[in-house]
């Protein structure tokens, strides 16, 4: 199992180095799909762009749900504590900052 983590970690490092080299060689404001579009073709850029969107829309909420389940099993807080904390964050964390006039 440790070997699998080492191999996966090495692959991540290699992919990030490749992306860094592509960004230095051909700077652009796009993401992964821009490089695939240039190197392989428009179809590859389109597919990678939609896969990236799919990752953010589907996989990230699933991972957040799994993390919440694990934390709930470890911490064992009641549902009322989670609801109150969620309400507090939603109501108070995202309020816009009001600027005061200087006199």
PDB file of N, CA and C in Angstrom:
ATOM      1  N   UNK A   1       0.818  -1.184   0.000  1.00  0.00           N
ATOM      2  CA  UNK A   1       0.000   0.000   0.000  1.00  0.00           C
ATOM      3  C   UNK A   1       0.866   1.254   0.000  1.00  0.00           C
ATOM      4  N   UNK A   2       1.958   1.219   0.717  1.00  0.00           N
ATOM      5  CA  UNK A   2       2.867   2.350   0.745  1.00  0.00           C
ATOM      6  C   UNK A   2       3.481   2.580  -0.635  1.00  0.00           C
ATOM      7  N   UNK A   3       3.743   1.508  -1.343  1.00  0.00           N
ATOM      8  CA  UNK A   3       4.288   1.618  -2.699  1.00  0.00           C
ATOM      9  C   UNK A   3       3.289   2.295  -3.632  1.00  0.00           C
ATOM     10  N   UNK A   4       2.011   1.977  -3.487  1.00  0.00           N
ATOM     11  CA  UNK A   4       0.984   2.605  -4.324  1.00  0.00           C
ATOM     12  C   UNK A   4       0.916   4.106  -4.073  1.00  0.00           C
ATOM     13  N   UNK A   5       1.010   4.527  -2.804  1.00  0.00           N
ATOM     14  CA  UNK A   5       1.020   5.958  -2.494  1.00  0.00           C
ATOM     15  C   UNK A   5       2.252   6.642  -3.071  1.00  0.00           C
ATOM     16  N   UNK A   6       3.382   5.978  -3.006  1.00  0.00           N
ATOM     17  CA  UNK A   6       4.615   6.549  -3.550  1.00  0.00           C
ATOM     18  C   UNK A   6       4.515   6.713  -5.062  1.00  0.00           C
ATOM     19  N   UNK A   7       3.966   5.733  -5.744  1.00  0.00           N
ATOM     20  CA  UNK A   7       3.806   5.820  -7.203  1.00  0.00           C
ATOM     21  C   UNK A   7       2.821   6.919  -7.571  1.00  0.00           C
ATOM     22  N   UNK A   8       1.677   6.974  -6.866  1.00  0.00           N
ATOM     23  CA  UNK A   8       0.696   8.020  -7.145  1.00  0.00           C
ATOM     24  C   UNK A   8       1.276   9.401  -6.869  1.00  0.00           C
ATOM     25  N   UNK A   9       2.026   9.543  -5.788  1.00  0.00           N
ATOM     26  CA  UNK A   9       2.662  10.825  -5.482  1.00  0.00           C
ATOM     27  C   UNK A   9       3.662  11.232  -6.543  1.00  0.00           C
ATOM     28  N   UNK A  10       4.421  10.283  -7.050  1.00  0.00           N
ATOM     29  CA  UNK A  10       5.384  10.586  -8.111  1.00  0.00           C
ATOM     30  C   UNK A  10       4.671  11.024  -9.391  1.00  0.00           C
ATOM     31  N   UNK A  11       3.567  10.379  -9.710  1.00  0.00           N
ATOM     32  CA  UNK A  11       2.788  10.787 -10.888  1.00  0.00           C
ATOM     33  C   UNK A  11       2.263  12.209 -10.743  1.00  0.00           C
ATOM     34  N   UNK A  12       1.793  12.561  -9.549  1.00  0.00           N
ATOM     35  CA  UNK A  12       1.302  13.921  -9.318  1.00  0.00           C
ATOM     36  C   UNK A  12       2.428  14.929  -9.495  1.00  0.00           C
ATOM     37  N   UNK A  13       3.607  14.621  -8.947  1.00  0.00           N
ATOM     38  CA  UNK A  13       4.750  15.520  -9.091  1.00  0.00           C
ATOM     39  C   UNK A  13       5.126  15.676 -10.559  1.00  0.00           C
ATOM     40  N   UNK A  14       5.158  14.590 -11.312  1.00  0.00           N
ATOM     41  CA  UNK A  14       5.512  14.665 -12.736  1.00  0.00           C
ATOM     42  C   UNK A  14       4.493  15.466 -13.537  1.00  0.00           C
ATOM     43  N   UNK A  15       3.203  15.261 -13.266  1.00  0.00           N
ATOM     44  CA  UNK A  15       2.165  16.014 -13.985  1.00  0.00           C
ATOM     45  C   UNK A  15       2.288  17.499 -13.673  1.00  0.00           C
ATOM     46  N   UNK A  16       2.527  17.850 -12.411  1.00  0.00           N
ATOM     47  CA  UNK A  16       2.656  19.265 -12.059  1.00  0.00           C
ATOM     48  C   UNK A  16       3.897  19.888 -12.684  1.00  0.00           C
ATOM     49  N   UNK A  17       4.971  19.132 -12.778  1.00  0.00           N
ATOM     50  CA  UNK A  17       6.167  19.657 -13.453  1.00  0.00           C
ATOM     51  C   UNK A  17       5.907  19.871 -14.940  1.00  0.00           C
ATOM     52  N   UNK A  18       5.182  18.934 -15.562  1.00  0.00           N
ATOM     53  CA  UNK A  18       4.857  19.087 -16.978  1.00  0.00           C
ATOM     54  C   UNK A  18       3.976  20.313 -17.209  1.00  0.00           C
ATOM     55  N   UNK A  19       2.984  20.509 -16.330  1.00  0.00           N
ATOM     56  CA  UNK A  19       2.124  21.689 -16.454  1.00  0.00           C
ATOM     57  C   UNK A  19       2.928  22.971 -16.260  1.00  0.00           C
ATOM     58  N   UNK A  20       3.872  22.952 -15.331  1.00  0.00           N
ATOM     59  CA  UNK A  20       4.731  24.116 -15.122  1.00  0.00           C
ATOM     60  C   UNK A  20       5.574  24.424 -16.348  1.00  0.00           C
ATOM     61  N   UNK A  21       6.101  23.396 -16.960  1.00  0.00           N
ATOM     62  CA  UNK A  21       6.909  23.618 -18.161  1.00  0.00           C
ATOM     63  C   UNK A  21       6.072  24.129 -19.320  1.00  0.00           C
ATOM     64  N   UNK A  22       4.849  23.608 -19.456  1.00  0.00           N
ATOM     65  CA  UNK A  22       3.971  24.110 -20.524  1.00  0.00           C
ATOM     66  C   UNK A  22       3.574  25.561 -20.267  1.00  0.00           C
ATOM     67  N   UNK A  23       3.346  25.913 -19.004  1.00  0.00           N
ATOM     68  CA  UNK A  23       2.973  27.288 -18.678  1.00  0.00           C
ATOM     69  C   UNK A  23       4.116  28.258 -18.942  1.00  0.00           C
ATOM     70  N   UNK A  24       5.357  27.815 -18.737  1.00  0.00           N
ATOM     71  CA  UNK A  24       6.502  28.674 -19.016  1.00  0.00           C
ATOM     72  C   UNK A  24       6.732  28.789 -20.521  1.00  0.00           C
ATOM     73  N   UNK A  25       6.578  27.682 -21.229  1.00  0.00           N
ATOM     74  CA  UNK A  25       6.829  27.679 -22.675  1.00  0.00           C
ATOM     75  C   UNK A  25       5.747  28.433 -23.443  1.00  0.00           C
ATOM     76  N   UNK A  26       4.498  28.279 -23.041  1.00  0.00           N
ATOM     77  CA  UNK A  26       3.380  28.926 -23.736  1.00  0.00           C
ATOM     78  C   UNK A  26       2.421  29.526 -22.717  1.00  0.00           C
ATOM     79  N   UNK A  27       2.737  30.696 -22.167  1.00  0.00           N
ATOM     80  CA  UNK A  27       1.859  31.289 -21.158  1.00  0.00           C
ATOM     81  C   UNK A  27       0.490  31.622 -21.747  1.00  0.00           C
ATOM     82  N   UNK A  28      -0.559  31.320 -20.990  1.00  0.00           N
ATOM     83  CA  UNK A  28      -1.923  31.583 -21.431  1.00  0.00           C
ATOM     84  C   UNK A  28      -2.799  31.724 -20.197  1.00  0.00           C
ATOM     85  N   UNK A  29      -3.976  32.308 -20.379  1.00  0.00           N
ATOM     86  CA  UNK A  29      -4.883  32.493 -19.248  1.00  0.00           C
ATOM     87  C   UNK A  29      -5.805  31.303 -19.041  1.00  0.00           C
ATOM     88  N   UNK A  30      -5.753  30.311 -19.911  1.00  0.00           N
ATOM     89  CA  UNK A  30      -6.632  29.154 -19.786  1.00  0.00           C
ATOM     90  C   UNK A  30      -6.118  28.145 -18.768  1.00  0.00           C
ATOM     91  N   UNK A  31      -6.765  26.981 -18.756  1.00  0.00           N
ATOM     92  CA  UNK A  31      -6.344  25.943 -17.818  1.00  0.00           C
ATOM     93  C   UNK A  31      -5.845  24.736 -18.603  1.00  0.00           C
ATOM     94  N   UNK A  32      -6.051  23.544 -18.041  1.00  0.00           N
ATOM     95  CA  UNK A  32      -5.573  22.319 -18.674  1.00  0.00           C
ATOM     96  C   UNK A  32      -6.104  22.163 -20.085  1.00  0.00           C
ATOM     97  N   UNK A  33      -7.355  22.528 -20.275  1.00  0.00           N
ATOM     98  CA  UNK A  33      -7.976  22.313 -21.570  1.00  0.00           C
ATOM     99  C   UNK A  33      -7.316  23.148 -22.669  1.00  0.00           C
ATOM    100  N   UNK A  34      -6.742  24.298 -22.320  1.00  0.00           N
ATOM    101  CA  UNK A  34      -6.060  25.124 -23.316  1.00  0.00           C
ATOM    102  C   UNK A  34      -4.851  24.403 -23.884  1.00  0.00           C
ATOM    103  N   UNK A  35      -4.081  23.767 -23.020  1.00  0.00           N
ATOM    104  CA  UNK A  35      -2.894  23.043 -23.484  1.00  0.00           C
ATOM    105  C   UNK A  35      -3.277  21.813 -24.296  1.00  0.00           C
ATOM    106  N   UNK A  36      -4.339  21.119 -23.889  1.00  0.00           N
ATOM    107  CA  UNK A  36      -4.802  19.965 -24.664  1.00  0.00           C
ATOM    108  C   UNK A  36      -5.327  20.406 -26.018  1.00  0.00           C
ATOM    109  N   UNK A  37      -6.004  21.558 -26.048  1.00  0.00           N
ATOM    110  CA  UNK A  37      -6.527  22.087 -27.308  1.00  0.00           C
ATOM    111  C   UNK A  37      -5.395  22.373 -28.276  1.00  0.00           C
ATOM    112  N   UNK A  38      -4.329  22.952 -27.799  1.00  0.00           N
ATOM    113  CA  UNK A  38      -3.190  23.269 -28.674  1.00  0.00           C
ATOM    114  C   UNK A  38      -2.428  22.018 -29.111  1.00  0.00           C
ATOM    115  N   UNK A  39      -2.195  21.107 -28.176  1.00  0.00           N
ATOM    116  CA  UNK A  39      -1.319  19.972 -28.460  1.00  0.00           C
ATOM    117  C   UNK A  39      -2.026  18.851 -29.205  1.00  0.00           C
ATOM    118  N   UNK A  40      -3.265  18.539 -28.821  1.00  0.00           N
ATOM    119  CA  UNK A  40      -3.931  17.367 -29.393  1.00  0.00           C
ATOM    120  C   UNK A  40      -5.019  17.750 -30.384  1.00  0.00           C
ATOM    121  N   UNK A  41      -5.785  18.778 -30.057  1.00  0.00           N
ATOM    122  CA  UNK A  41      -6.857  19.204 -30.950  1.00  0.00           C
ATOM    123  C   UNK A  41      -8.031  19.760 -30.153  1.00  0.00           C
ATOM    124  N   UNK A  42      -8.985  20.341 -30.894  1.00  0.00           N
ATOM    125  CA  UNK A  42     -10.139  20.970 -30.249  1.00  0.00           C
ATOM    126  C   UNK A  42     -10.981  19.957 -29.481  1.00  0.00           C
ATOM    127  N   UNK A  43     -11.085  18.749 -29.987  1.00  0.00           N
ATOM    128  CA  UNK A  43     -11.897  17.746 -29.300  1.00  0.00           C
ATOM    129  C   UNK A  43     -11.318  17.429 -27.932  1.00  0.00           C
ATOM    130  N   UNK A  44      -9.989  17.379 -27.818  1.00  0.00           N
ATOM    131  CA  UNK A  44      -9.359  17.066 -26.535  1.00  0.00           C
ATOM    132  C   UNK A  44      -9.560  18.207 -25.539  1.00  0.00           C
ATOM    133  N   UNK A  45      -9.435  19.438 -26.008  1.00  0.00           N
ATOM    134  CA  UNK A  45      -9.672  20.577 -25.131  1.00  0.00           C
ATOM    135  C   UNK A  45     -11.105  20.620 -24.639  1.00  0.00           C
ATOM    136  N   UNK A  46     -12.042  20.303 -25.526  1.00  0.00           N
ATOM    137  CA  UNK A  46     -13.455  20.275 -25.156  1.00  0.00           C
ATOM    138  C   UNK A  46     -13.734  19.202 -24.113  1.00  0.00           C
ATOM    139  N   UNK A  47     -13.220  18.001 -24.349  1.00  0.00           N
ATOM    140  CA  UNK A  47     -13.451  16.888 -23.429  1.00  0.00           C
ATOM    141  C   UNK A  47     -12.810  17.169 -22.070  1.00  0.00           C
ATOM    142  N   UNK A  48     -11.582  17.659 -22.055  1.00  0.00           N
ATOM    143  CA  UNK A  48     -10.901  17.927 -20.797  1.00  0.00           C
ATOM    144  C   UNK A  48     -11.585  19.063 -20.043  1.00  0.00           C
ATOM    145  N   UNK A  49     -12.059  20.064 -20.758  1.00  0.00           N
ATOM    146  CA  UNK A  49     -12.786  21.145 -20.104  1.00  0.00           C
ATOM    147  C   UNK A  49     -14.046  20.655 -19.413  1.00  0.00           C
ATOM    148  N   UNK A  50     -14.815  19.802 -20.089  1.00  0.00           N
ATOM    149  CA  UNK A  50     -16.034  19.271 -19.481  1.00  0.00           C
ATOM    150  C   UNK A  50     -15.721  18.288 -18.354  1.00  0.00           C
ATOM    151  N   UNK A  51     -14.648  17.505 -18.488  1.00  0.00           N
ATOM    152  CA  UNK A  51     -14.267  16.618 -17.391  1.00  0.00           C
ATOM    153  C   UNK A  51     -13.839  17.405 -16.160  1.00  0.00           C
ATOM    154  N   UNK A  52     -13.168  18.519 -16.356  1.00  0.00           N
ATOM    155  CA  UNK A  52     -12.771  19.374 -15.247  1.00  0.00           C
ATOM    156  C   UNK A  52     -14.011  19.964 -14.561  1.00  0.00           C
ATOM    157  N   UNK A  53     -14.975  20.399 -15.359  1.00  0.00           N
ATOM    158  CA  UNK A  53     -16.238  20.909 -14.806  1.00  0.00           C
ATOM    159  C   UNK A  53     -16.959  19.807 -14.039  1.00  0.00           C
ATOM    160  N   UNK A  54     -16.992  18.623 -14.630  1.00  0.00           N
ATOM    161  CA  UNK A  54     -17.662  17.488 -13.986  1.00  0.00           C
ATOM    162  C   UNK A  54     -17.012  17.189 -12.638  1.00  0.00           C
ATOM    163  N   UNK A  55     -15.699  17.271 -12.582  1.00  0.00           N
ATOM    164  CA  UNK A  55     -14.981  17.039 -11.333  1.00  0.00           C
ATOM    165  C   UNK A  55     -15.435  18.019 -10.262  1.00  0.00           C
ATOM    166  N   UNK A  56     -15.490  19.311 -10.598  1.00  0.00           N
ATOM    167  CA  UNK A  56     -15.869  20.311  -9.600  1.00  0.00           C
ATOM    168  C   UNK A  56     -17.333  20.205  -9.224  1.00  0.00           C
ATOM    169  N   UNK A  57     -18.199  19.826 -10.139  1.00  0.00           N
ATOM    170  CA  UNK A  57     -19.629  19.782  -9.842  1.00  0.00           C
ATOM    171  C   UNK A  57     -20.025  18.511  -9.115  1.00  0.00           C
ATOM    172  N   UNK A  58     -19.421  17.384  -9.453  1.00  0.00           N
ATOM    173  CA  UNK A  58     -19.871  16.120  -8.897  1.00  0.00           C
ATOM    174  C   UNK A  58     -18.920  15.541  -7.853  1.00  0.00           C
ATOM    175  N   UNK A  59     -17.656  15.485  -8.145  1.00  0.00           N
ATOM    176  CA  UNK A  59     -16.723  14.780  -7.274  1.00  0.00           C
ATOM    177  C   UNK A  59     -16.456  15.553  -5.990  1.00  0.00           C
ATOM    178  N   UNK A  60     -16.274  16.851  -6.064  1.00  0.00           N
ATOM    179  CA  UNK A  60     -15.982  17.637  -4.864  1.00  0.00           C
ATOM    180  C   UNK A  60     -17.127  17.563  -3.850  1.00  0.00           C
ATOM    181  N   UNK A  61     -18.407  17.715  -4.237  1.00  0.00           N
ATOM    182  CA  UNK A  61     -19.466  17.537  -3.234  1.00  0.00           C
ATOM    183  C   UNK A  61     -19.515  16.121  -2.653  1.00  0.00           C
ATOM    184  N   UNK A  62     -19.220  15.113  -3.463  1.00  0.00           N
ATOM    185  CA  UNK A  62     -19.186  13.753  -2.926  1.00  0.00           C
ATOM    186  C   UNK A  62     -18.069  13.589  -1.899  1.00  0.00           C
ATOM    187  N   UNK A  63     -16.905  14.169  -2.172  1.00  0.00           N
ATOM    188  CA  UNK A  63     -15.808  14.095  -1.214  1.00  0.00           C
ATOM    189  C   UNK A  63     -16.131  14.886   0.053  1.00  0.00           C
ATOM    190  N   UNK A  64     -16.800  16.025  -0.088  1.00  0.00           N
ATOM    191  CA  UNK A  64     -17.194  16.795   1.090  1.00  0.00           C
ATOM    192  C   UNK A  64     -18.197  16.007   1.926  1.00  0.00           C
ATOM    193  N   UNK A  65     -19.106  15.311   1.271  1.00  0.00           N
ATOM    194  CA  UNK A  65     -20.074  14.488   1.987  1.00  0.00           C
ATOM    195  C   UNK A  65     -19.364  13.345   2.721  1.00  0.00           C
ATOM    196  N   UNK A  66     -18.410  12.718   2.076  1.00  0.00           N
ATOM    197  CA  UNK A  66     -17.656  11.634   2.724  1.00  0.00           C
ATOM    198  C   UNK A  66     -16.850  12.170   3.902  1.00  0.00           C
ATOM    199  N   UNK A  67     -16.238  13.330   3.742  1.00  0.00           N
ATOM    200  CA  UNK A  67     -15.478  13.923   4.841  1.00  0.00           C
ATOM    201  C   UNK A  67     -16.391  14.270   6.008  1.00  0.00           C
ATOM    202  N   UNK A  68     -17.584  14.789   5.714  1.00  0.00           N
ATOM    203  CA  UNK A  68     -18.534  15.105   6.781  1.00  0.00           C
ATOM    204  C   UNK A  68     -18.979  13.843   7.510  1.00  0.00           C
ATOM    205  N   UNK A  69     -19.180  12.759   6.784  1.00  0.00           N
ATOM    206  CA  UNK A  69     -19.562  11.498   7.409  1.00  0.00           C
ATOM    207  C   UNK A  69     -18.456  10.979   8.326  1.00  0.00           C
ATOM    208  N   UNK A  70     -17.213  11.072   7.862  1.00  0.00           N
ATOM    209  CA  UNK A  70     -16.085  10.624   8.677  1.00  0.00           C
ATOM    210  C   UNK A  70     -15.950  11.493   9.925  1.00  0.00           C
ATOM    211  N   UNK A  71     -16.043  12.823   9.750  1.00  0.00           N
ATOM    212  CA  UNK A  71     -15.936  13.706  10.905  1.00  0.00           C
ATOM    213  C   UNK A  71     -17.078  13.486  11.886  1.00  0.00           C
ATOM    214  N   UNK A  72     -18.261  13.237  11.359  1.00  0.00           N
ATOM    215  CA  UNK A  72     -19.402  12.981  12.236  1.00  0.00           C
ATOM    216  C   UNK A  72     -19.167  11.708  13.057  1.00  0.00           C
ATOM    217  N   UNK A  73     -18.593  10.696  12.447  1.00  0.00           N
ATOM    218  CA  UNK A  73     -18.311   9.456  13.166  1.00  0.00           C
ATOM    219  C   UNK A  73     -17.213   9.659  14.209  1.00  0.00           C
ATOM    220  N   UNK A  74     -16.252  10.532  13.919  1.00  0.00           N
ATOM    221  CA  UNK A  74     -15.153  10.755  14.850  1.00  0.00           C
ATOM    222  C   UNK A  74     -15.536  11.686  15.999  1.00  0.00           C
ATOM    223  N   UNK A  75     -16.261  12.742  15.688  1.00  0.00           N
ATOM    224  CA  UNK A  75     -16.536  13.775  16.674  1.00  0.00           C
ATOM    225  C   UNK A  75     -17.847  13.514  17.411  1.00  0.00           C
ATOM    226  N   UNK A  76     -18.819  12.974  16.757  1.00  0.00           N
ATOM    227  CA  UNK A  76     -20.123  12.655  17.332  1.00  0.00           C
ATOM    228  C   UNK A  76     -20.856  13.877  17.888  1.00  0.00           C
ATOM    229  N   UNK A  77     -20.812  14.965  17.148  1.00  0.00           N
ATOM    230  CA  UNK A  77     -21.606  16.125  17.531  1.00  0.00           C
ATOM    231  C   UNK A  77     -23.045  15.898  17.118  1.00  0.00           C
ATOM    232  N   UNK A  78     -23.942  16.502  17.832  1.00  0.00           N
ATOM    233  CA  UNK A  78     -25.347  16.367  17.489  1.00  0.00           C
ATOM    234  C   UNK A  78     -25.686  17.143  16.238  1.00  0.00           C
ATOM    235  N   UNK A  79     -26.824  16.829  15.664  1.00  0.00           N
ATOM    236  CA  UNK A  79     -27.254  17.515  14.447  1.00  0.00           C
ATOM    237  C   UNK A  79     -27.520  18.988  14.714  1.00  0.00           C
ATOM    238  N   UNK A  80     -27.980  19.323  15.931  1.00  0.00           N
ATOM    239  CA  UNK A  80     -28.281  20.711  16.235  1.00  0.00           C
ATOM    240  C   UNK A  80     -27.024  21.577  16.229  1.00  0.00           C
ATOM    241  N   UNK A  81     -25.885  21.017  16.651  1.00  0.00           N
ATOM    242  CA  UNK A  81     -24.635  21.771  16.622  1.00  0.00           C
ATOM    243  C   UNK A  81     -24.220  22.050  15.179  1.00  0.00           C
ATOM    244  N   UNK A  82     -24.349  21.045  14.317  1.00  0.00           N
ATOM    245  CA  UNK A  82     -24.004  21.232  12.908  1.00  0.00           C
ATOM    246  C   UNK A  82     -24.913  22.225  12.221  1.00  0.00           C
ATOM    247  N   UNK A  83     -26.178  22.177  12.535  1.00  0.00           N
ATOM    248  CA  UNK A  83     -27.132  23.116  11.926  1.00  0.00           C
ATOM    249  C   UNK A  83     -26.835  24.534  12.389  1.00  0.00           C
ATOM    250  N   UNK A  84     -26.568  24.705  13.675  1.00  0.00           N
ATOM    251  CA  UNK A  84     -26.263  26.040  14.193  1.00  0.00           C
ATOM    252  C   UNK A  84     -24.960  26.575  13.593  1.00  0.00           C
ATOM    253  N   UNK A  85     -23.961  25.734  13.483  1.00  0.00           N
ATOM    254  CA  UNK A  85     -22.690  26.169  12.899  1.00  0.00           C
ATOM    255  C   UNK A  85     -22.871  26.528  11.430  1.00  0.00           C
ATOM    256  N   UNK A  86     -23.615  25.722  10.693  1.00  0.00           N
ATOM    257  CA  UNK A  86     -23.884  26.031   9.291  1.00  0.00           C
ATOM    258  C   UNK A  86     -24.658  27.317   9.129  1.00  0.00           C
ATOM    259  N   UNK A  87     -25.643  27.542   9.988  1.00  0.00           N
ATOM    260  CA  UNK A  87     -26.422  28.781   9.921  1.00  0.00           C
ATOM    261  C   UNK A  87     -25.539  29.981  10.230  1.00  0.00           C
ATOM    262  N   UNK A  88     -24.682  29.839  11.232  1.00  0.00           N
ATOM    263  CA  UNK A  88     -23.786  30.941  11.596  1.00  0.00           C
ATOM    264  C   UNK A  88     -22.853  31.288  10.440  1.00  0.00           C
ATOM    265  N   UNK A  89     -22.275  30.284   9.835  1.00  0.00           N
ATOM    266  CA  UNK A  89     -21.373  30.542   8.709  1.00  0.00           C
ATOM    267  C   UNK A  89     -22.102  31.166   7.534  1.00  0.00           C
ATOM    268  N   UNK A  90     -23.290  30.657   7.232  1.00  0.00           N
ATOM    269  CA  UNK A  90     -24.039  31.181   6.085  1.00  0.00           C
ATOM    270  C   UNK A  90     -24.522  32.600   6.336  1.00  0.00           C
ATOM    271  N   UNK A  91     -24.924  32.898   7.563  1.00  0.00           N
ATOM    272  CA  UNK A  91     -25.509  34.198   7.848  1.00  0.00           C
ATOM    273  C   UNK A  91     -24.465  35.277   8.105  1.00  0.00           C
ATOM    274  N   UNK A  92     -23.342  34.917   8.693  1.00  0.00           N
ATOM    275  CA  UNK A  92     -22.416  35.942   9.142  1.00  0.00           C
ATOM    276  C   UNK A  92     -21.099  35.977   8.392  1.00  0.00           C
ATOM    277  N   UNK A  93     -20.755  34.926   7.736  1.00  0.00           N
ATOM    278  CA  UNK A  93     -19.447  34.881   7.088  1.00  0.00           C
ATOM    279  C   UNK A  93     -19.432  35.631   5.761  1.00  0.00           C
ATOM    280  N   UNK A  94     -20.522  35.668   5.047  1.00  0.00           N
ATOM    281  CA  UNK A  94     -20.537  36.224   3.694  1.00  0.00           C
ATOM    282  C   UNK A  94     -21.223  37.576   3.620  1.00  0.00           C
ATOM    283  N   UNK A  95     -21.264  38.314   4.705  1.00  0.00           N
ATOM    284  CA  UNK A  95     -21.856  39.639   4.658  1.00  0.00           C
ATOM    285  C   UNK A  95     -20.865  40.597   4.021  1.00  0.00           C
ATOM    286  N   UNK A  96     -21.355  41.470   3.141  1.00  0.00           N
ATOM    287  CA  UNK A  96     -20.444  42.432   2.521  1.00  0.00           C
ATOM    288  C   UNK A  96     -19.944  43.445   3.546  1.00  0.00           C
ATOM    289  N   UNK A  97     -18.743  43.897   3.325  1.00  0.00           N
ATOM    290  CA  UNK A  97     -18.157  44.898   4.215  1.00  0.00           C
ATOM    291  C   UNK A  97     -18.718  46.261   3.846  1.00  0.00           C
ATOM    292  N   UNK A  98     -19.237  46.975   4.825  1.00  0.00           N
ATOM    293  CA  UNK A  98     -19.764  48.307   4.580  1.00  0.00           C
ATOM    294  C   UNK A  98     -18.659  49.324   4.830  1.00  0.00           C
ATOM    295  N   UNK A  99     -18.488  50.185   3.864  1.00  0.00           N
ATOM    296  CA  UNK A  99     -17.445  51.204   3.992  1.00  0.00           C
ATOM    297  C   UNK A  99     -18.031  52.452   4.645  1.00  0.00           C
ATOM    298  N   UNK A 100     -17.241  53.063   5.491  1.00  0.00           N
ATOM    299  CA  UNK A 100     -17.676  54.279   6.130  1.00  0.00           C
ATOM    300  C   UNK A 100     -17.061  55.461   5.414  1.00  0.00           C
ATOM    301  N   UNK A 101     -17.840  56.529   5.340  1.00  0.00           N
ATOM    302  CA  UNK A 101     -17.326  57.738   4.693  1.00  0.00           C
ATOM    303  C   UNK A 101     -16.355  58.432   5.615  1.00  0.00           C
ATOM    304  N   UNK A 102     -15.296  58.956   5.021  1.00  0.00           N
ATOM    305  CA  UNK A 102     -14.351  59.752   5.781  1.00  0.00           C
ATOM    306  C   UNK A 102     -14.825  61.188   5.788  1.00  0.00           C
ATOM    307  N   UNK A 103     -14.784  61.800   6.942  1.00  0.00           N
ATOM    308  CA  UNK A 103     -15.248  63.203   7.037  1.00  0.00           C
ATOM    309  C   UNK A 103     -14.097  64.131   7.238  1.00  0.00           C
TER     310      UNK A 103
END
